[in-house]
PDB file of N, CA and C in Angstrom:
ATOM      1  N   MET A   1     -18.420 -28.194 -16.796  1.00  0.00           N
ATOM      2  CA  MET A   1     -18.159 -26.777 -16.875  1.00  0.00           C
ATOM      3  C   MET A   1     -18.444 -26.298 -18.295  1.00  0.00           C
ATOM      4  N   ALA A   2     -19.238 -25.267 -18.412  1.00  0.00           N
ATOM      5  CA  ALA A   2     -19.652 -24.780 -19.722  1.00  0.00           C
ATOM      6  C   ALA A   2     -18.517 -24.018 -20.403  1.00  0.00           C
ATOM      7  N   LYS A   3     -18.398 -24.229 -21.698  1.00  0.00           N
ATOM      8  CA  LYS A   3     -17.384 -23.519 -22.477  1.00  0.00           C
ATOM      9  C   LYS A   3     -17.918 -22.130 -22.822  1.00  0.00           C
ATOM     10  N   THR A   4     -17.051 -21.140 -22.769  1.00  0.00           N
ATOM     11  CA  THR A   4     -17.422 -19.766 -23.086  1.00  0.00           C
ATOM     12  C   THR A   4     -16.676 -19.342 -24.343  1.00  0.00           C
ATOM     13  N   THR A   5     -17.402 -18.760 -25.275  1.00  0.00           N
ATOM     14  CA  THR A   5     -16.764 -18.264 -26.487  1.00  0.00           C
ATOM     15  C   THR A   5     -16.037 -16.962 -26.161  1.00  0.00           C
ATOM     16  N   PRO A   6     -15.039 -16.614 -26.951  1.00  0.00           N
ATOM     17  CA  PRO A   6     -14.343 -15.344 -26.704  1.00  0.00           C
ATOM     18  C   PRO A   6     -15.285 -14.135 -26.736  1.00  0.00           C
ATOM     19  N   ALA A   7     -16.239 -14.126 -27.639  1.00  0.00           N
ATOM     20  CA  ALA A   7     -17.180 -13.004 -27.731  1.00  0.00           C
ATOM     21  C   ALA A   7     -18.041 -12.925 -26.472  1.00  0.00           C
ATOM     22  N   GLN A   8     -18.483 -14.070 -25.988  1.00  0.00           N
ATOM     23  CA  GLN A   8     -19.294 -14.097 -24.768  1.00  0.00           C
ATOM     24  C   GLN A   8     -18.463 -13.649 -23.566  1.00  0.00           C
ATOM     25  N   PHE A   9     -17.214 -14.064 -23.533  1.00  0.00           N
ATOM     26  CA  PHE A   9     -16.326 -13.660 -22.451  1.00  0.00           C
ATOM     27  C   PHE A   9     -16.163 -12.140 -22.423  1.00  0.00           C
ATOM     28  N   VAL A  10     -15.904 -11.546 -23.584  1.00  0.00           N
ATOM     29  CA  VAL A  10     -15.737 -10.092 -23.675  1.00  0.00           C
ATOM     30  C   VAL A  10     -17.012  -9.392 -23.233  1.00  0.00           C
ATOM     31  N   GLN A  11     -18.153  -9.918 -23.626  1.00  0.00           N
ATOM     32  CA  GLN A  11     -19.438  -9.325 -23.233  1.00  0.00           C
ATOM     33  C   GLN A  11     -19.604  -9.378 -21.708  1.00  0.00           C
ATOM     34  N   GLU A  12     -19.266 -10.492 -21.105  1.00  0.00           N
ATOM     35  CA  GLU A  12     -19.388 -10.622 -19.649  1.00  0.00           C
ATOM     36  C   GLU A  12     -18.412  -9.695 -18.922  1.00  0.00           C
ATOM     37  N   VAL A  13     -17.224  -9.551 -19.460  1.00  0.00           N
ATOM     38  CA  VAL A  13     -16.246  -8.646 -18.855  1.00  0.00           C
ATOM     39  C   VAL A  13     -16.770  -7.215 -18.908  1.00  0.00           C
ATOM     40  N   ARG A  14     -17.331  -6.807 -20.044  1.00  0.00           N
ATOM     41  CA  ARG A  14     -17.875  -5.449 -20.172  1.00  0.00           C
ATOM     42  C   ARG A  14     -19.027  -5.226 -19.196  1.00  0.00           C
ATOM     43  N   GLN A  15     -19.856  -6.242 -18.985  1.00  0.00           N
ATOM     44  CA  GLN A  15     -20.957  -6.123 -18.035  1.00  0.00           C
ATOM     45  C   GLN A  15     -20.419  -5.931 -16.613  1.00  0.00           C
ATOM     46  N   GLU A  16     -19.381  -6.667 -16.267  1.00  0.00           N
ATOM     47  CA  GLU A  16     -18.811  -6.548 -14.925  1.00  0.00           C
ATOM     48  C   GLU A  16     -18.124  -5.195 -14.729  1.00  0.00           C
ATOM     49  N   VAL A  17     -17.417  -4.725 -15.746  1.00  0.00           N
ATOM     50  CA  VAL A  17     -16.743  -3.428 -15.657  1.00  0.00           C
ATOM     51  C   VAL A  17     -17.765  -2.309 -15.489  1.00  0.00           C
ATOM     52  N   ALA A  18     -18.933  -2.459 -16.107  1.00  0.00           N
ATOM     53  CA  ALA A  18     -19.984  -1.448 -15.981  1.00  0.00           C
ATOM     54  C   ALA A  18     -20.504  -1.363 -14.548  1.00  0.00           C
ATOM     55  N   LYS A  19     -20.365  -2.428 -13.766  1.00  0.00           N
ATOM     56  CA  LYS A  19     -20.839  -2.447 -12.383  1.00  0.00           C
ATOM     57  C   LYS A  19     -19.864  -1.774 -11.418  1.00  0.00           C
ATOM     58  N   VAL A  20     -18.640  -1.549 -11.861  1.00  0.00           N
ATOM     59  CA  VAL A  20     -17.609  -0.998 -10.986  1.00  0.00           C
ATOM     60  C   VAL A  20     -17.922   0.460 -10.667  1.00  0.00           C
ATOM     61  N   THR A  21     -17.769   0.812  -9.394  1.00  0.00           N
ATOM     62  CA  THR A  21     -17.908   2.207  -8.985  1.00  0.00           C
ATOM     63  C   THR A  21     -16.498   2.778  -8.887  1.00  0.00           C
ATOM     64  N   TRP A  22     -16.142   3.626  -9.832  1.00  0.00           N
ATOM     65  CA  TRP A  22     -14.797   4.172  -9.878  1.00  0.00           C
ATOM     66  C   TRP A  22     -14.695   5.347  -8.922  1.00  0.00           C
ATOM     67  N   PRO A  23     -13.553   5.507  -8.240  1.00  0.00           N
ATOM     68  CA  PRO A  23     -13.397   6.636  -7.313  1.00  0.00           C
ATOM     69  C   PRO A  23     -13.296   7.955  -8.075  1.00  0.00           C
ATOM     70  N   THR A  24     -13.725   9.018  -7.407  1.00  0.00           N
ATOM     71  CA  THR A  24     -13.597  10.343  -8.006  1.00  0.00           C
ATOM     72  C   THR A  24     -12.137  10.782  -7.923  1.00  0.00           C
ATOM     73  N   ARG A  25     -11.828  11.859  -8.618  1.00  0.00           N
ATOM     74  CA  ARG A  25     -10.458  12.391  -8.578  1.00  0.00           C
ATOM     75  C   ARG A  25     -10.105  12.794  -7.145  1.00  0.00           C
ATOM     76  N   LYS A  26     -11.060  13.425  -6.441  1.00  0.00           N
ATOM     77  CA  LYS A  26     -10.807  13.857  -5.071  1.00  0.00           C
ATOM     78  C   LYS A  26     -10.538  12.654  -4.168  1.00  0.00           C
ATOM     79  N   GLU A  27     -11.341  11.591  -4.296  1.00  0.00           N
ATOM     80  CA  GLU A  27     -11.132  10.384  -3.481  1.00  0.00           C
ATOM     81  C   GLU A  27      -9.756   9.776  -3.746  1.00  0.00           C
ATOM     82  N   THR A  28      -9.347   9.775  -5.009  1.00  0.00           N
ATOM     83  CA  THR A  28      -8.042   9.230  -5.365  1.00  0.00           C
ATOM     84  C   THR A  28      -6.922  10.070  -4.763  1.00  0.00           C
ATOM     85  N   MET A  29      -7.061  11.390  -4.819  1.00  0.00           N
ATOM     86  CA  MET A  29      -6.032  12.268  -4.270  1.00  0.00           C
ATOM     87  C   MET A  29      -5.937  12.116  -2.746  1.00  0.00           C
ATOM     88  N   VAL A  30      -7.087  12.037  -2.066  1.00  0.00           N
ATOM     89  CA  VAL A  30      -7.084  11.874  -0.613  1.00  0.00           C
ATOM     90  C   VAL A  30      -6.457  10.540  -0.231  1.00  0.00           C
ATOM     91  N   SER A  31      -6.817   9.479  -0.925  1.00  0.00           N
ATOM     92  CA  SER A  31      -6.251   8.153  -0.636  1.00  0.00           C
ATOM     93  C   SER A  31      -4.741   8.147  -0.860  1.00  0.00           C
ATOM     94  N   THR A  32      -4.295   8.774  -1.936  1.00  0.00           N
ATOM     95  CA  THR A  32      -2.866   8.838  -2.238  1.00  0.00           C
ATOM     96  C   THR A  32      -2.130   9.611  -1.147  1.00  0.00           C
ATOM     97  N   ALA A  33      -2.695  10.737  -0.722  1.00  0.00           N
ATOM     98  CA  ALA A  33      -2.068  11.534   0.335  1.00  0.00           C
ATOM     99  C   ALA A  33      -1.986  10.737   1.630  1.00  0.00           C
ATOM    100  N   MET A  34      -3.031   9.990   1.956  1.00  0.00           N
ATOM    101  CA  MET A  34      -3.023   9.183   3.178  1.00  0.00           C
ATOM    102  C   MET A  34      -1.963   8.089   3.107  1.00  0.00           C
ATOM    103  N   VAL A  35      -1.789   7.488   1.955  1.00  0.00           N
ATOM    104  CA  VAL A  35      -0.753   6.460   1.798  1.00  0.00           C
ATOM    105  C   VAL A  35       0.629   7.069   2.026  1.00  0.00           C
ATOM    106  N   PHE A  36       0.882   8.232   1.414  1.00  0.00           N
ATOM    107  CA  PHE A  36       2.174   8.888   1.610  1.00  0.00           C
ATOM    108  C   PHE A  36       2.387   9.259   3.076  1.00  0.00           C
ATOM    109  N   LEU A  37       1.361   9.769   3.727  1.00  0.00           N
ATOM    110  CA  LEU A  37       1.465  10.129   5.138  1.00  0.00           C
ATOM    111  C   LEU A  37       1.803   8.912   5.987  1.00  0.00           C
ATOM    112  N   MET A  38       1.123   7.799   5.752  1.00  0.00           N
ATOM    113  CA  MET A  38       1.377   6.589   6.530  1.00  0.00           C
ATOM    114  C   MET A  38       2.776   6.033   6.262  1.00  0.00           C
ATOM    115  N   VAL A  39       3.251   6.142   5.035  1.00  0.00           N
ATOM    116  CA  VAL A  39       4.613   5.688   4.713  1.00  0.00           C
ATOM    117  C   VAL A  39       5.640   6.533   5.467  1.00  0.00           C
ATOM    118  N   ILE A  40       5.416   7.850   5.490  1.00  0.00           N
ATOM    119  CA  ILE A  40       6.333   8.740   6.208  1.00  0.00           C
ATOM    120  C   ILE A  40       6.309   8.431   7.704  1.00  0.00           C
ATOM    121  N   LEU A  41       5.119   8.255   8.272  1.00  0.00           N
ATOM    122  CA  LEU A  41       5.020   7.940   9.697  1.00  0.00           C
ATOM    123  C   LEU A  41       5.690   6.610  10.027  1.00  0.00           C
ATOM    124  N   ALA A  42       5.487   5.606   9.197  1.00  0.00           N
ATOM    125  CA  ALA A  42       6.113   4.302   9.427  1.00  0.00           C
ATOM    126  C   ALA A  42       7.635   4.420   9.329  1.00  0.00           C
ATOM    127  N   ALA A  43       8.130   5.173   8.349  1.00  0.00           N
ATOM    128  CA  ALA A  43       9.575   5.350   8.199  1.00  0.00           C
ATOM    129  C   ALA A  43      10.161   6.042   9.423  1.00  0.00           C
ATOM    130  N   LEU A  44       9.489   7.080   9.907  1.00  0.00           N
ATOM    131  CA  LEU A  44       9.974   7.776  11.098  1.00  0.00           C
ATOM    132  C   LEU A  44       9.967   6.859  12.316  1.00  0.00           C
ATOM    133  N   PHE A  45       8.902   6.089  12.474  1.00  0.00           N
ATOM    134  CA  PHE A  45       8.816   5.159  13.600  1.00  0.00           C
ATOM    135  C   PHE A  45       9.971   4.165  13.585  1.00  0.00           C
ATOM    136  N   PHE A  46      10.195   3.525  12.441  1.00  0.00           N
ATOM    137  CA  PHE A  46      11.256   2.522  12.373  1.00  0.00           C
ATOM    138  C   PHE A  46      12.640   3.155  12.487  1.00  0.00           C
ATOM    139  N   PHE A  47      12.804   4.382  12.000  1.00  0.00           N
ATOM    140  CA  PHE A  47      14.073   5.081  12.171  1.00  0.00           C
ATOM    141  C   PHE A  47      14.342   5.325  13.649  1.00  0.00           C
ATOM    142  N   LEU A  48      13.327   5.805  14.362  1.00  0.00           N
ATOM    143  CA  LEU A  48      13.500   6.065  15.792  1.00  0.00           C
ATOM    144  C   LEU A  48      13.781   4.780  16.573  1.00  0.00           C
ATOM    145  N   VAL A  49      13.066   3.718  16.275  1.00  0.00           N
ATOM    146  CA  VAL A  49      13.310   2.441  16.948  1.00  0.00           C
ATOM    147  C   VAL A  49      14.726   1.964  16.661  1.00  0.00           C
ATOM    148  N   ASP A  50      15.176   2.090  15.418  1.00  0.00           N
ATOM    149  CA  ASP A  50      16.529   1.672  15.050  1.00  0.00           C
ATOM    150  C   ASP A  50      17.570   2.491  15.805  1.00  0.00           C
ATOM    151  N   GLU A  51      17.355   3.791  15.911  1.00  0.00           N
ATOM    152  CA  GLU A  51      18.301   4.640  16.635  1.00  0.00           C
ATOM    153  C   GLU A  51      18.343   4.289  18.120  1.00  0.00           C
ATOM    154  N   ILE A  52      17.183   4.043  18.710  1.00  0.00           N
ATOM    155  CA  ILE A  52      17.135   3.662  20.128  1.00  0.00           C
ATOM    156  C   ILE A  52      17.869   2.342  20.352  1.00  0.00           C
ATOM    157  N   LEU A  53      17.636   1.382  19.485  1.00  0.00           N
ATOM    158  CA  LEU A  53      18.330   0.097  19.612  1.00  0.00           C
ATOM    159  C   LEU A  53      19.836   0.258  19.410  1.00  0.00           C
ATOM    160  N   ALA A  54      20.247   1.117  18.492  1.00  0.00           N
ATOM    161  CA  ALA A  54      21.675   1.333  18.252  1.00  0.00           C
ATOM    162  C   ALA A  54      22.332   1.953  19.486  1.00  0.00           C
ATOM    163  N   VAL A  55      21.660   2.913  20.107  1.00  0.00           N
ATOM    164  CA  VAL A  55      22.199   3.521  21.328  1.00  0.00           C
ATOM    165  C   VAL A  55      22.295   2.467  22.427  1.00  0.00           C
ATOM    166  N   GLY A  56      21.270   1.655  22.558  1.00  0.00           N
ATOM    167  CA  GLY A  56      21.300   0.574  23.548  1.00  0.00           C
ATOM    168  C   GLY A  56      22.441  -0.389  23.319  1.00  0.00           C
ATOM    169  N   MET A  57      22.683  -0.752  22.060  1.00  0.00           N
ATOM    170  CA  MET A  57      23.786  -1.667  21.740  1.00  0.00           C
ATOM    171  C   MET A  57      25.131  -1.038  22.094  1.00  0.00           C
ATOM    172  N   ARG A  58      25.276   0.260  21.790  1.00  0.00           N
ATOM    173  CA  ARG A  58      26.529   0.942  22.130  1.00  0.00           C
ATOM    174  C   ARG A  58      26.737   0.983  23.642  1.00  0.00           C
ATOM    175  N   LEU A  59      25.677   1.212  24.383  1.00  0.00           N
ATOM    176  CA  LEU A  59      25.799   1.258  25.852  1.00  0.00           C
ATOM    177  C   LEU A  59      26.125  -0.110  26.423  1.00  0.00           C
ATOM    178  N   ILE A  60      25.516  -1.153  25.908  1.00  0.00           N
ATOM    179  CA  ILE A  60      25.723  -2.492  26.441  1.00  0.00           C
ATOM    180  C   ILE A  60      27.051  -3.089  26.000  1.00  0.00           C
ATOM    181  N   PHE A  61      27.339  -3.003  24.699  1.00  0.00           N
ATOM    182  CA  PHE A  61      28.514  -3.686  24.165  1.00  0.00           C
ATOM    183  C   PHE A  61      29.674  -2.755  23.858  1.00  0.00           C
ATOM    184  N   GLY A  62      29.447  -1.481  23.869  1.00  0.00           N
ATOM    185  CA  GLY A  62      30.523  -0.541  23.592  1.00  0.00           C
ATOM    186  C   GLY A  62      30.852  -0.399  22.122  1.00  0.00           C
ATOM    187  N   PHE A  63      29.990  -0.850  21.251  1.00  0.00           N
ATOM    188  CA  PHE A  63      30.200  -0.675  19.823  1.00  0.00           C
ATOM    189  C   PHE A  63      28.834  -0.586  19.151  1.00  0.00           C
ATOM    190  N   GLY A  64      28.838  -0.325  17.879  1.00  0.00           N
ATOM    191  CA  GLY A  64      27.599  -0.252  17.123  1.00  0.00           C
ATOM    192  C   GLY A  64      27.699   0.793  16.040  1.00  0.00           C
ATOM    193  N   GLY A  65      26.654   0.842  15.196  1.00  0.00           N
ATOM    194  CA  GLY A  65      26.626   1.753  14.053  1.00  0.00           C
ATOM    195  C   GLY A  65      26.633   3.125  14.485  1.00  0.00           C
TER     196      GLY A  65
END
């Protein structure tokens, strides 16, 4: 395995960073909004499932949260 000098390493890192296609501000905002939307939908789904299960437990066992 070839040894790399620190200067060569920094040069290679800069070359790789130059190849990166960075998202635009609009793409970042849309992606962020979609993440928040999916988090809200997942939270609502699990809340509803939890409530349904709690009602079922109360009906079956006569107790529950």
